Amino acid sequence: MNSNEVEKENTDEVIDQTVKELCHILKQAEDEQFIYEFFKCLFTPPELKDFANRWLLVKELDKGTTQREIAKKFGMSLCKITRGSKELAKEGSAFRKILDFQQAHK
């Protein structure tokens, strides 16, 4: 393994650990306004828009909206939408679990 591969492996591991750390913190926060403010600090406006659009596309796919309609509606690439569609269709999909959780808590 060369040094670039070692660096990438370490970076991927650090990123994974950091994402898990953030998830743990947000789970404990239980304050919607605080989490919103945290996201506004963490993400730039374009990143926040992309973050929100990714969730919007999942909800649209769940409603049965076609990929082309979603692309037109949100100005997204079909590639990004296809990825969301594949993730939603996976067995044990986290997207499906979150959508079901959201529906159960309305």
PDB file of N, CA and C in Angstrom:
ATOM      1  N   MET A   1       0.859  -1.170   0.000  1.00  0.00           N
ATOM      2  CA  MET A   1       0.000   0.000   0.000  1.00  0.00           C
ATOM      3  C   MET A   1       0.904   1.232   0.000  1.00  0.00           C
ATOM      4  N   ASN A   2       0.657   2.158  -0.937  1.00  0.00           N
ATOM      5  CA  ASN A   2       1.489   3.363  -0.969  1.00  0.00           C
ATOM      6  C   ASN A   2       0.961   4.408   0.010  1.00  0.00           C
ATOM      7  N   SER A   3       1.726   5.470   0.199  1.00  0.00           N
ATOM      8  CA  SER A   3       1.365   6.477   1.211  1.00  0.00           C
ATOM      9  C   SER A   3       0.045   7.171   0.903  1.00  0.00           C
ATOM     10  N   ASN A   4      -0.270   7.376  -0.389  1.00  0.00           N
ATOM     11  CA  ASN A   4      -1.559   8.002  -0.746  1.00  0.00           C
ATOM     12  C   ASN A   4      -2.731   7.110  -0.355  1.00  0.00           C
ATOM     13  N   GLU A   5      -2.563   5.793  -0.530  1.00  0.00           N
ATOM     14  CA  GLU A   5      -3.625   4.859  -0.158  1.00  0.00           C
ATOM     15  C   GLU A   5      -3.814   4.833   1.360  1.00  0.00           C
ATOM     16  N   VAL A   6      -2.702   4.898   2.105  1.00  0.00           N
ATOM     17  CA  VAL A   6      -2.773   4.917   3.561  1.00  0.00           C
ATOM     18  C   VAL A   6      -3.482   6.185   4.031  1.00  0.00           C
ATOM     19  N   GLU A   7      -3.120   7.342   3.441  1.00  0.00           N
ATOM     20  CA  GLU A   7      -3.765   8.603   3.803  1.00  0.00           C
ATOM     21  C   GLU A   7      -5.254   8.555   3.529  1.00  0.00           C
ATOM     22  N   LYS A   8      -5.642   8.035   2.350  1.00  0.00           N
ATOM     23  CA  LYS A   8      -7.056   7.962   2.002  1.00  0.00           C
ATOM     24  C   LYS A   8      -7.789   7.042   2.963  1.00  0.00           C
ATOM     25  N   GLU A   9      -7.202   5.904   3.280  1.00  0.00           N
ATOM     26  CA  GLU A   9      -7.839   4.969   4.205  1.00  0.00           C
ATOM     27  C   GLU A   9      -8.044   5.633   5.567  1.00  0.00           C
ATOM     28  N   ASN A  10      -7.032   6.310   6.061  1.00  0.00           N
ATOM     29  CA  ASN A  10      -7.147   6.995   7.346  1.00  0.00           C
ATOM     30  C   ASN A  10      -8.192   8.104   7.270  1.00  0.00           C
ATOM     31  N   THR A  11      -8.211   8.829   6.183  1.00  0.00           N
ATOM     32  CA  THR A  11      -9.181   9.907   6.012  1.00  0.00           C
ATOM     33  C   THR A  11     -10.600   9.348   6.004  1.00  0.00           C
ATOM     34  N   ASP A  12     -10.829   8.254   5.274  1.00  0.00           N
ATOM     35  CA  ASP A  12     -12.159   7.640   5.232  1.00  0.00           C
ATOM     36  C   ASP A  12     -12.589   7.190   6.625  1.00  0.00           C
ATOM     37  N   GLU A  13     -11.652   6.626   7.380  1.00  0.00           N
ATOM     38  CA  GLU A  13     -11.962   6.172   8.727  1.00  0.00           C
ATOM     39  C   GLU A  13     -12.287   7.357   9.646  1.00  0.00           C
ATOM     40  N   VAL A  14     -11.507   8.409   9.537  1.00  0.00           N
ATOM     41  CA  VAL A  14     -11.742   9.610  10.346  1.00  0.00           C
ATOM     42  C   VAL A  14     -13.084  10.230   9.994  1.00  0.00           C
ATOM     43  N   ILE A  15     -13.384  10.295   8.713  1.00  0.00           N
ATOM     44  CA  ILE A  15     -14.664  10.867   8.271  1.00  0.00           C
ATOM     45  C   ILE A  15     -15.815  10.028   8.814  1.00  0.00           C
ATOM     46  N   ASP A  16     -15.715   8.724   8.709  1.00  0.00           N
ATOM     47  CA  ASP A  16     -16.774   7.848   9.213  1.00  0.00           C
ATOM     48  C   ASP A  16     -16.971   8.034  10.721  1.00  0.00           C
ATOM     49  N   GLN A  17     -15.879   8.088  11.460  1.00  0.00           N
ATOM     50  CA  GLN A  17     -15.966   8.294  12.907  1.00  0.00           C
ATOM     51  C   GLN A  17     -16.576   9.652  13.236  1.00  0.00           C
ATOM     52  N   THR A  18     -16.230  10.665  12.460  1.00  0.00           N
ATOM     53  CA  THR A  18     -16.747  12.007  12.708  1.00  0.00           C
ATOM     54  C   THR A  18     -18.238  12.082  12.421  1.00  0.00           C
ATOM     55  N   VAL A  19     -18.683  11.456  11.344  1.00  0.00           N
ATOM     56  CA  VAL A  19     -20.115  11.426  11.037  1.00  0.00           C
ATOM     57  C   VAL A  19     -20.872  10.716  12.149  1.00  0.00           C
ATOM     58  N   LYS A  20     -20.327   9.610  12.636  1.00  0.00           N
ATOM     59  CA  LYS A  20     -20.974   8.891  13.737  1.00  0.00           C
ATOM     60  C   LYS A  20     -21.029   9.761  14.989  1.00  0.00           C
ATOM     61  N   GLU A  21     -19.956  10.507  15.241  1.00  0.00           N
ATOM     62  CA  GLU A  21     -19.930  11.409  16.394  1.00  0.00           C
ATOM     63  C   GLU A  21     -21.030  12.462  16.273  1.00  0.00           C
ATOM     64  N   LEU A  22     -21.174  13.048  15.097  1.00  0.00           N
ATOM     65  CA  LEU A  22     -22.214  14.058  14.884  1.00  0.00           C
ATOM     66  C   LEU A  22     -23.605  13.457  15.061  1.00  0.00           C
ATOM     67  N   CYS A  23     -23.809  12.261  14.550  1.00  0.00           N
ATOM     68  CA  CYS A  23     -25.103  11.591  14.711  1.00  0.00           C
ATOM     69  C   CYS A  23     -25.418  11.387  16.185  1.00  0.00           C
ATOM     70  N   HIS A  24     -24.433  10.965  16.934  1.00  0.00           N
ATOM     71  CA  HIS A  24     -24.619  10.738  18.368  1.00  0.00           C
ATOM     72  C   HIS A  24     -24.981  12.045  19.089  1.00  0.00           C
ATOM     73  N   ILE A  25     -24.277  13.103  18.760  1.00  0.00           N
ATOM     74  CA  ILE A  25     -24.548  14.409  19.374  1.00  0.00           C
ATOM     75  C   ILE A  25     -25.959  14.880  19.035  1.00  0.00           C
ATOM     76  N   LEU A  26     -26.341  14.776  17.767  1.00  0.00           N
ATOM     77  CA  LEU A  26     -27.668  15.237  17.342  1.00  0.00           C
ATOM     78  C   LEU A  26     -28.774  14.399  17.981  1.00  0.00           C
ATOM     79  N   LYS A  27     -28.526  13.118  18.140  1.00  0.00           N
ATOM     80  CA  LYS A  27     -29.514  12.252  18.796  1.00  0.00           C
ATOM     81  C   LYS A  27     -29.765  12.728  20.226  1.00  0.00           C
ATOM     82  N   GLN A  28     -28.728  13.143  20.895  1.00  0.00           N
ATOM     83  CA  GLN A  28     -28.855  13.577  22.282  1.00  0.00           C
ATOM     84  C   GLN A  28     -29.395  14.999  22.404  1.00  0.00           C
ATOM     85  N   ALA A  29     -29.236  15.805  21.375  1.00  0.00           N
ATOM     86  CA  ALA A  29     -29.597  17.227  21.461  1.00  0.00           C
ATOM     87  C   ALA A  29     -31.083  17.439  21.744  1.00  0.00           C
ATOM     88  N   GLU A  30     -31.956  16.757  21.029  1.00  0.00           N
ATOM     89  CA  GLU A  30     -33.408  16.839  21.220  1.00  0.00           C
ATOM     90  C   GLU A  30     -33.968  18.255  21.157  1.00  0.00           C
ATOM     91  N   ASP A  31     -33.238  19.191  20.577  1.00  0.00           N
ATOM     92  CA  ASP A  31     -33.688  20.572  20.454  1.00  0.00           C
ATOM     93  C   ASP A  31     -33.655  20.952  18.979  1.00  0.00           C
ATOM     94  N   GLU A  32     -34.833  20.952  18.370  1.00  0.00           N
ATOM     95  CA  GLU A  32     -34.942  21.169  16.932  1.00  0.00           C
ATOM     96  C   GLU A  32     -34.331  22.496  16.493  1.00  0.00           C
ATOM     97  N   GLN A  33     -34.573  23.562  17.230  1.00  0.00           N
ATOM     98  CA  GLN A  33     -34.027  24.877  16.870  1.00  0.00           C
ATOM     99  C   GLN A  33     -32.498  24.880  16.957  1.00  0.00           C
ATOM    100  N   PHE A  34     -31.965  24.252  17.989  1.00  0.00           N
ATOM    101  CA  PHE A  34     -30.513  24.144  18.143  1.00  0.00           C
ATOM    102  C   PHE A  34     -29.899  23.385  16.972  1.00  0.00           C
ATOM    103  N   ILE A  35     -30.516  22.271  16.576  1.00  0.00           N
ATOM    104  CA  ILE A  35     -30.012  21.472  15.459  1.00  0.00           C
ATOM    105  C   ILE A  35     -30.078  22.284  14.168  1.00  0.00           C
ATOM    106  N   TYR A  36     -31.169  23.012  13.968  1.00  0.00           N
ATOM    107  CA  TYR A  36     -31.302  23.878  12.794  1.00  0.00           C
ATOM    108  C   TYR A  36     -30.167  24.914  12.756  1.00  0.00           C
ATOM    109  N   GLU A  37     -29.932  25.570  13.890  1.00  0.00           N
ATOM    110  CA  GLU A  37     -28.864  26.565  13.967  1.00  0.00           C
ATOM    111  C   GLU A  37     -27.494  25.934  13.731  1.00  0.00           C
ATOM    112  N   PHE A  38     -27.304  24.729  14.247  1.00  0.00           N
ATOM    113  CA  PHE A  38     -26.057  24.006  14.034  1.00  0.00           C
ATOM    114  C   PHE A  38     -25.840  23.742  12.542  1.00  0.00           C
ATOM    115  N   PHE A  39     -26.892  23.263  11.851  1.00  0.00           N
ATOM    116  CA  PHE A  39     -26.788  23.034  10.406  1.00  0.00           C
ATOM    117  C   PHE A  39     -26.458  24.318   9.659  1.00  0.00           C
ATOM    118  N   LYS A  40     -27.089  25.423  10.068  1.00  0.00           N
ATOM    119  CA  LYS A  40     -26.828  26.712   9.410  1.00  0.00           C
ATOM    120  C   LYS A  40     -25.375  27.153   9.607  1.00  0.00           C
ATOM    121  N   CYS A  41     -24.784  26.795  10.747  1.00  0.00           N
ATOM    122  CA  CYS A  41     -23.374  27.110  10.998  1.00  0.00           C
ATOM    123  C   CYS A  41     -22.445  26.153  10.257  1.00  0.00           C
ATOM    124  N   LEU A  42     -22.809  24.893  10.230  1.00  0.00           N
ATOM    125  CA  LEU A  42     -21.950  23.852   9.670  1.00  0.00           C
ATOM    126  C   LEU A  42     -21.863  23.912   8.147  1.00  0.00           C
ATOM    127  N   PHE A  43     -23.002  24.178   7.502  1.00  0.00           N
ATOM    128  CA  PHE A  43     -23.073  24.147   6.047  1.00  0.00           C
ATOM    129  C   PHE A  43     -23.115  25.556   5.466  1.00  0.00           C
ATOM    130  N   THR A  44     -22.496  25.732   4.300  1.00  0.00           N
ATOM    131  CA  THR A  44     -22.655  26.976   3.563  1.00  0.00           C
ATOM    132  C   THR A  44     -24.072  26.980   2.986  1.00  0.00           C
ATOM    133  N   PRO A  45     -24.590  28.144   2.577  1.00  0.00           N
ATOM    134  CA  PRO A  45     -25.934  28.141   1.973  1.00  0.00           C
ATOM    135  C   PRO A  45     -26.076  27.157   0.796  1.00  0.00           C
ATOM    136  N   PRO A  46     -25.102  27.076  -0.131  1.00  0.00           N
ATOM    137  CA  PRO A  46     -25.256  26.079  -1.209  1.00  0.00           C
ATOM    138  C   PRO A  46     -25.231  24.633  -0.697  1.00  0.00           C
ATOM    139  N   GLU A  47     -24.414  24.350   0.323  1.00  0.00           N
ATOM    140  CA  GLU A  47     -24.378  23.002   0.891  1.00  0.00           C
ATOM    141  C   GLU A  47     -25.693  22.676   1.584  1.00  0.00           C
ATOM    142  N   LEU A  48     -26.252  23.649   2.287  1.00  0.00           N
ATOM    143  CA  LEU A  48     -27.524  23.452   2.971  1.00  0.00           C
ATOM    144  C   LEU A  48     -28.642  23.210   1.956  1.00  0.00           C
ATOM    145  N   LYS A  49     -28.596  23.944   0.851  1.00  0.00           N
ATOM    146  CA  LYS A  49     -29.582  23.745  -0.218  1.00  0.00           C
ATOM    147  C   LYS A  49     -29.458  22.334  -0.797  1.00  0.00           C
ATOM    148  N   ASP A  50     -28.230  21.890  -1.044  1.00  0.00           N
ATOM    149  CA  ASP A  50     -28.006  20.549  -1.580  1.00  0.00           C
ATOM    150  C   ASP A  50     -28.486  19.493  -0.593  1.00  0.00           C
ATOM    151  N   PHE A  51     -28.188  19.687   0.675  1.00  0.00           N
ATOM    152  CA  PHE A  51     -28.613  18.794   1.754  1.00  0.00           C
ATOM    153  C   PHE A  51     -30.139  18.671   1.766  1.00  0.00           C
ATOM    154  N   ALA A  52     -30.815  19.810   1.726  1.00  0.00           N
ATOM    155  CA  ALA A  52     -32.286  19.829   1.736  1.00  0.00           C
ATOM    156  C   ALA A  52     -32.852  19.211   0.462  1.00  0.00           C
ATOM    157  N   ASN A  53     -32.258  19.534  -0.686  1.00  0.00           N
ATOM    158  CA  ASN A  53     -32.740  18.988  -1.953  1.00  0.00           C
ATOM    159  C   ASN A  53     -32.632  17.470  -1.999  1.00  0.00           C
ATOM    160  N   ARG A  54     -31.598  16.927  -1.406  1.00  0.00           N
ATOM    161  CA  ARG A  54     -31.449  15.462  -1.393  1.00  0.00           C
ATOM    162  C   ARG A  54     -32.602  14.814  -0.622  1.00  0.00           C
ATOM    163  N   TRP A  55     -33.003  15.437   0.468  1.00  0.00           N
ATOM    164  CA  TRP A  55     -34.141  14.896   1.226  1.00  0.00           C
ATOM    165  C   TRP A  55     -35.441  15.128   0.459  1.00  0.00           C
ATOM    166  N   LEU A  56     -35.576  16.291  -0.171  1.00  0.00           N
ATOM    167  CA  LEU A  56     -36.775  16.553  -0.977  1.00  0.00           C
ATOM    168  C   LEU A  56     -36.929  15.520  -2.085  1.00  0.00           C
ATOM    169  N   LEU A  57     -35.832  15.158  -2.730  1.00  0.00           N
ATOM    170  CA  LEU A  57     -35.937  14.195  -3.826  1.00  0.00           C
ATOM    171  C   LEU A  57     -36.372  12.831  -3.307  1.00  0.00           C
ATOM    172  N   VAL A  58     -35.913  12.438  -2.118  1.00  0.00           N
ATOM    173  CA  VAL A  58     -36.336  11.157  -1.542  1.00  0.00           C
ATOM    174  C   VAL A  58     -37.838  11.181  -1.275  1.00  0.00           C
ATOM    175  N   LYS A  59     -38.329  12.281  -0.719  1.00  0.00           N
ATOM    176  CA  LYS A  59     -39.768  12.387  -0.450  1.00  0.00           C
ATOM    177  C   LYS A  59     -40.574  12.377  -1.750  1.00  0.00           C
ATOM    178  N   GLU A  60     -40.052  13.039  -2.777  1.00  0.00           N
ATOM    179  CA  GLU A  60     -40.742  13.047  -4.071  1.00  0.00           C
ATOM    180  C   GLU A  60     -40.762  11.646  -4.686  1.00  0.00           C
ATOM    181  N   LEU A  61     -39.639  10.937  -4.599  1.00  0.00           N
ATOM    182  CA  LEU A  61     -39.609   9.563  -5.110  1.00  0.00           C
ATOM    183  C   LEU A  61     -40.628   8.703  -4.385  1.00  0.00           C
ATOM    184  N   ASP A  62     -40.728   8.883  -3.087  1.00  0.00           N
ATOM    185  CA  ASP A  62     -41.675   8.119  -2.279  1.00  0.00           C
ATOM    186  C   ASP A  62     -43.117   8.413  -2.678  1.00  0.00           C
ATOM    187  N   LYS A  63     -43.371   9.648  -3.107  1.00  0.00           N
ATOM    188  CA  LYS A  63     -44.721  10.028  -3.559  1.00  0.00           C
ATOM    189  C   LYS A  63     -45.037   9.481  -4.943  1.00  0.00           C
ATOM    190  N   GLY A  64     -44.009   8.962  -5.642  1.00  0.00           N
ATOM    191  CA  GLY A  64     -44.225   8.423  -6.979  1.00  0.00           C
ATOM    192  C   GLY A  64     -43.891   9.392  -8.091  1.00  0.00           C
ATOM    193  N   THR A  65     -43.307  10.527  -7.760  1.00  0.00           N
ATOM    194  CA  THR A  65     -42.906  11.499  -8.776  1.00  0.00           C
ATOM    195  C   THR A  65     -41.794  10.880  -9.611  1.00  0.00           C
ATOM    196  N   THR A  66     -41.860  11.065 -10.924  1.00  0.00           N
ATOM    197  CA  THR A  66     -40.835  10.481 -11.794  1.00  0.00           C
ATOM    198  C   THR A  66     -39.509  11.213 -11.626  1.00  0.00           C
ATOM    199  N   GLN A  67     -38.446  10.513 -11.970  1.00  0.00           N
ATOM    200  CA  GLN A  67     -37.115  11.103 -11.858  1.00  0.00           C
ATOM    201  C   GLN A  67     -36.985  12.342 -12.739  1.00  0.00           C
ATOM    202  N   ARG A  68     -37.541  12.294 -13.920  1.00  0.00           N
ATOM    203  CA  ARG A  68     -37.465  13.457 -14.824  1.00  0.00           C
ATOM    204  C   ARG A  68     -38.231  14.654 -14.255  1.00  0.00           C
ATOM    205  N   GLU A  69     -39.382  14.390 -13.637  1.00  0.00           N
ATOM    206  CA  GLU A  69     -40.145  15.481 -13.014  1.00  0.00           C
ATOM    207  C   GLU A  69     -39.360  16.096 -11.847  1.00  0.00           C
ATOM    208  N   ILE A  70     -38.702  15.245 -11.061  1.00  0.00           N
ATOM    209  CA  ILE A  70     -37.890  15.739  -9.942  1.00  0.00           C
ATOM    210  C   ILE A  70     -36.723  16.569 -10.465  1.00  0.00           C
ATOM    211  N   ALA A  71     -36.070  16.087 -11.519  1.00  0.00           N
ATOM    212  CA  ALA A  71     -34.934  16.810 -12.105  1.00  0.00           C
ATOM    213  C   ALA A  71     -35.371  18.202 -12.552  1.00  0.00           C
ATOM    214  N   LYS A  72     -36.515  18.270 -13.185  1.00  0.00           N
ATOM    215  CA  LYS A  72     -37.020  19.557 -13.663  1.00  0.00           C
ATOM    216  C   LYS A  72     -37.437  20.455 -12.491  1.00  0.00           C
ATOM    217  N   LYS A  73     -38.134  19.880 -11.533  1.00  0.00           N
ATOM    218  CA  LYS A  73     -38.659  20.641 -10.402  1.00  0.00           C
ATOM    219  C   LYS A  73     -37.553  21.243  -9.532  1.00  0.00           C
ATOM    220  N   PHE A  74     -36.473  20.481  -9.292  1.00  0.00           N
ATOM    221  CA  PHE A  74     -35.425  20.919  -8.375  1.00  0.00           C
ATOM    222  C   PHE A  74     -34.100  21.243  -9.061  1.00  0.00           C
ATOM    223  N   GLY A  75     -34.055  21.112 -10.399  1.00  0.00           N
ATOM    224  CA  GLY A  75     -32.821  21.403 -11.123  1.00  0.00           C
ATOM    225  C   GLY A  75     -31.692  20.455 -10.747  1.00  0.00           C
ATOM    226  N   MET A  76     -32.016  19.188 -10.552  1.00  0.00           N
ATOM    227  CA  MET A  76     -31.034  18.178 -10.144  1.00  0.00           C
ATOM    228  C   MET A  76     -30.662  17.284 -11.307  1.00  0.00           C
ATOM    229  N   SER A  77     -29.481  16.694 -11.188  1.00  0.00           N
ATOM    230  CA  SER A  77     -29.054  15.742 -12.215  1.00  0.00           C
ATOM    231  C   SER A  77     -29.796  14.419 -12.031  1.00  0.00           C
ATOM    232  N   LEU A  78     -30.043  13.751 -13.134  1.00  0.00           N
ATOM    233  CA  LEU A  78     -30.690  12.440 -13.064  1.00  0.00           C
ATOM    234  C   LEU A  78     -29.807  11.445 -12.326  1.00  0.00           C
ATOM    235  N   CYS A  79     -28.501  11.625 -12.410  1.00  0.00           N
ATOM    236  CA  CYS A  79     -27.563  10.742 -11.712  1.00  0.00           C
ATOM    237  C   CYS A  79     -27.797  10.795 -10.199  1.00  0.00           C
ATOM    238  N   LYS A  80     -27.929  11.991  -9.656  1.00  0.00           N
ATOM    239  CA  LYS A  80     -28.162  12.168  -8.217  1.00  0.00           C
ATOM    240  C   LYS A  80     -29.510  11.566  -7.815  1.00  0.00           C
ATOM    241  N   ILE A  81     -30.505  11.762  -8.661  1.00  0.00           N
ATOM    242  CA  ILE A  81     -31.847  11.245  -8.375  1.00  0.00           C
ATOM    243  C   ILE A  81     -31.860   9.724  -8.458  1.00  0.00           C
ATOM    244  N   THR A  82     -31.149   9.171  -9.443  1.00  0.00           N
ATOM    245  CA  THR A  82     -31.063   7.718  -9.578  1.00  0.00           C
ATOM    246  C   THR A  82     -30.411   7.105  -8.353  1.00  0.00           C
ATOM    247  N   ARG A  83     -29.379   7.756  -7.846  1.00  0.00           N
ATOM    248  CA  ARG A  83     -28.729   7.272  -6.621  1.00  0.00           C
ATOM    249  C   ARG A  83     -29.730   7.238  -5.472  1.00  0.00           C
ATOM    250  N   GLY A  84     -30.501   8.305  -5.325  1.00  0.00           N
ATOM    251  CA  GLY A  84     -31.518   8.344  -4.271  1.00  0.00           C
ATOM    252  C   GLY A  84     -32.551   7.249  -4.448  1.00  0.00           C
ATOM    253  N   SER A  85     -32.945   7.019  -5.689  1.00  0.00           N
ATOM    254  CA  SER A  85     -33.928   5.984  -5.988  1.00  0.00           C
ATOM    255  C   SER A  85     -33.394   4.599  -5.628  1.00  0.00           C
ATOM    256  N   LYS A  86     -32.134   4.344  -5.961  1.00  0.00           N
ATOM    257  CA  LYS A  86     -31.527   3.051  -5.639  1.00  0.00           C
ATOM    258  C   LYS A  86     -31.422   2.857  -4.127  1.00  0.00           C
ATOM    259  N   GLU A  87     -31.042   3.916  -3.421  1.00  0.00           N
ATOM    260  CA  GLU A  87     -30.941   3.827  -1.964  1.00  0.00           C
ATOM    261  C   GLU A  87     -32.312   3.573  -1.339  1.00  0.00           C
ATOM    262  N   LEU A  88     -33.332   4.229  -1.857  1.00  0.00           N
ATOM    263  CA  LEU A  88     -34.686   4.049  -1.343  1.00  0.00           C
ATOM    264  C   LEU A  88     -35.190   2.629  -1.583  1.00  0.00           C
ATOM    265  N   ALA A  89     -34.775   2.028  -2.699  1.00  0.00           N
ATOM    266  CA  ALA A  89     -35.244   0.690  -3.068  1.00  0.00           C
ATOM    267  C   ALA A  89     -34.500  -0.441  -2.365  1.00  0.00           C
ATOM    268  N   LYS A  90     -33.359  -0.138  -1.753  1.00  0.00           N
ATOM    269  CA  LYS A  90     -32.575  -1.180  -1.086  1.00  0.00           C
ATOM    270  C   LYS A  90     -33.357  -1.805   0.066  1.00  0.00           C
ATOM    271  N   GLU A  91     -33.143  -3.109   0.251  1.00  0.00           N
ATOM    272  CA  GLU A  91     -33.742  -3.784   1.405  1.00  0.00           C
ATOM    273  C   GLU A  91     -33.154  -3.181   2.677  1.00  0.00           C
ATOM    274  N   GLY A  92     -34.003  -2.855   3.626  1.00  0.00           N
ATOM    275  CA  GLY A  92     -33.553  -2.252   4.878  1.00  0.00           C
ATOM    276  C   GLY A  92     -33.097  -0.805   4.715  1.00  0.00           C
ATOM    277  N   SER A  93     -33.581  -0.135   3.678  1.00  0.00           N
ATOM    278  CA  SER A  93     -33.175   1.235   3.366  1.00  0.00           C
ATOM    279  C   SER A  93     -33.374   2.188   4.541  1.00  0.00           C
ATOM    280  N   ALA A  94     -32.326   2.945   4.862  1.00  0.00           N
ATOM    281  CA  ALA A  94     -32.440   3.972   5.905  1.00  0.00           C
ATOM    282  C   ALA A  94     -33.435   5.042   5.465  1.00  0.00           C
ATOM    283  N   PHE A  95     -33.488   5.319   4.154  1.00  0.00           N
ATOM    284  CA  PHE A  95     -34.475   6.285   3.646  1.00  0.00           C
ATOM    285  C   PHE A  95     -35.882   5.818   3.980  1.00  0.00           C
ATOM    286  N   ARG A  96     -36.171   4.551   3.700  1.00  0.00           N
ATOM    287  CA  ARG A  96     -37.509   3.996   3.958  1.00  0.00           C
ATOM    288  C   ARG A  96     -37.818   4.057   5.460  1.00  0.00           C
ATOM    289  N   LYS A  97     -36.834   3.724   6.292  1.00  0.00           N
ATOM    290  CA  LYS A  97     -37.050   3.739   7.731  1.00  0.00           C
ATOM    291  C   LYS A  97     -37.356   5.150   8.229  1.00  0.00           C
ATOM    292  N   ILE A  98     -36.634   6.134   7.702  1.00  0.00           N
ATOM    293  CA  ILE A  98     -36.871   7.520   8.116  1.00  0.00           C
ATOM    294  C   ILE A  98     -38.231   7.999   7.627  1.00  0.00           C
ATOM    295  N   LEU A  99     -38.587   7.660   6.390  1.00  0.00           N
ATOM    296  CA  LEU A  99     -39.905   8.052   5.862  1.00  0.00           C
ATOM    297  C   LEU A  99     -41.020   7.431   6.702  1.00  0.00           C
ATOM    298  N   ASP A 100     -40.866   6.155   7.056  1.00  0.00           N
ATOM    299  CA  ASP A 100     -41.870   5.475   7.888  1.00  0.00           C
ATOM    300  C   ASP A 100     -41.922   6.088   9.279  1.00  0.00           C
ATOM    301  N   PHE A 101     -40.758   6.405   9.843  1.00  0.00           N
ATOM    302  CA  PHE A 101     -40.683   7.053  11.150  1.00  0.00           C
ATOM    303  C   PHE A 101     -41.406   8.400  11.110  1.00  0.00           C
ATOM    304  N   GLN A 102     -41.119   9.166  10.061  1.00  0.00           N
ATOM    305  CA  GLN A 102     -41.745  10.493   9.907  1.00  0.00           C
ATOM    306  C   GLN A 102     -43.268  10.357   9.819  1.00  0.00           C
ATOM    307  N   GLN A 103     -43.724   9.395   9.042  1.00  0.00           N
ATOM    308  CA  GLN A 103     -45.169   9.191   8.875  1.00  0.00           C
ATOM    309  C   GLN A 103     -45.823   8.798  10.204  1.00  0.00           C
ATOM    310  N   ALA A 104     -45.150   7.942  10.954  1.00  0.00           N
ATOM    311  CA  ALA A 104     -45.701   7.467  12.225  1.00  0.00           C
ATOM    312  C   ALA A 104     -45.749   8.572  13.283  1.00  0.00           C
ATOM    313  N   HIS A 105     -44.928   9.606  13.132  1.00  0.00           N
ATOM    314  CA  HIS A 105     -44.847  10.669  14.129  1.00  0.00           C
ATOM    315  C   HIS A 105     -45.490  11.977  13.682  1.00  0.00           C
ATOM    316  N   LYS A 106     -46.343  11.904  12.691  1.00  0.00           N
ATOM    317  CA  LYS A 106     -47.071  13.111  12.244  1.00  0.00           C
ATOM    318  C   LYS A 106     -48.251  13.365  13.138  1.00  0.00           C
TER     319      LYS A 106
END
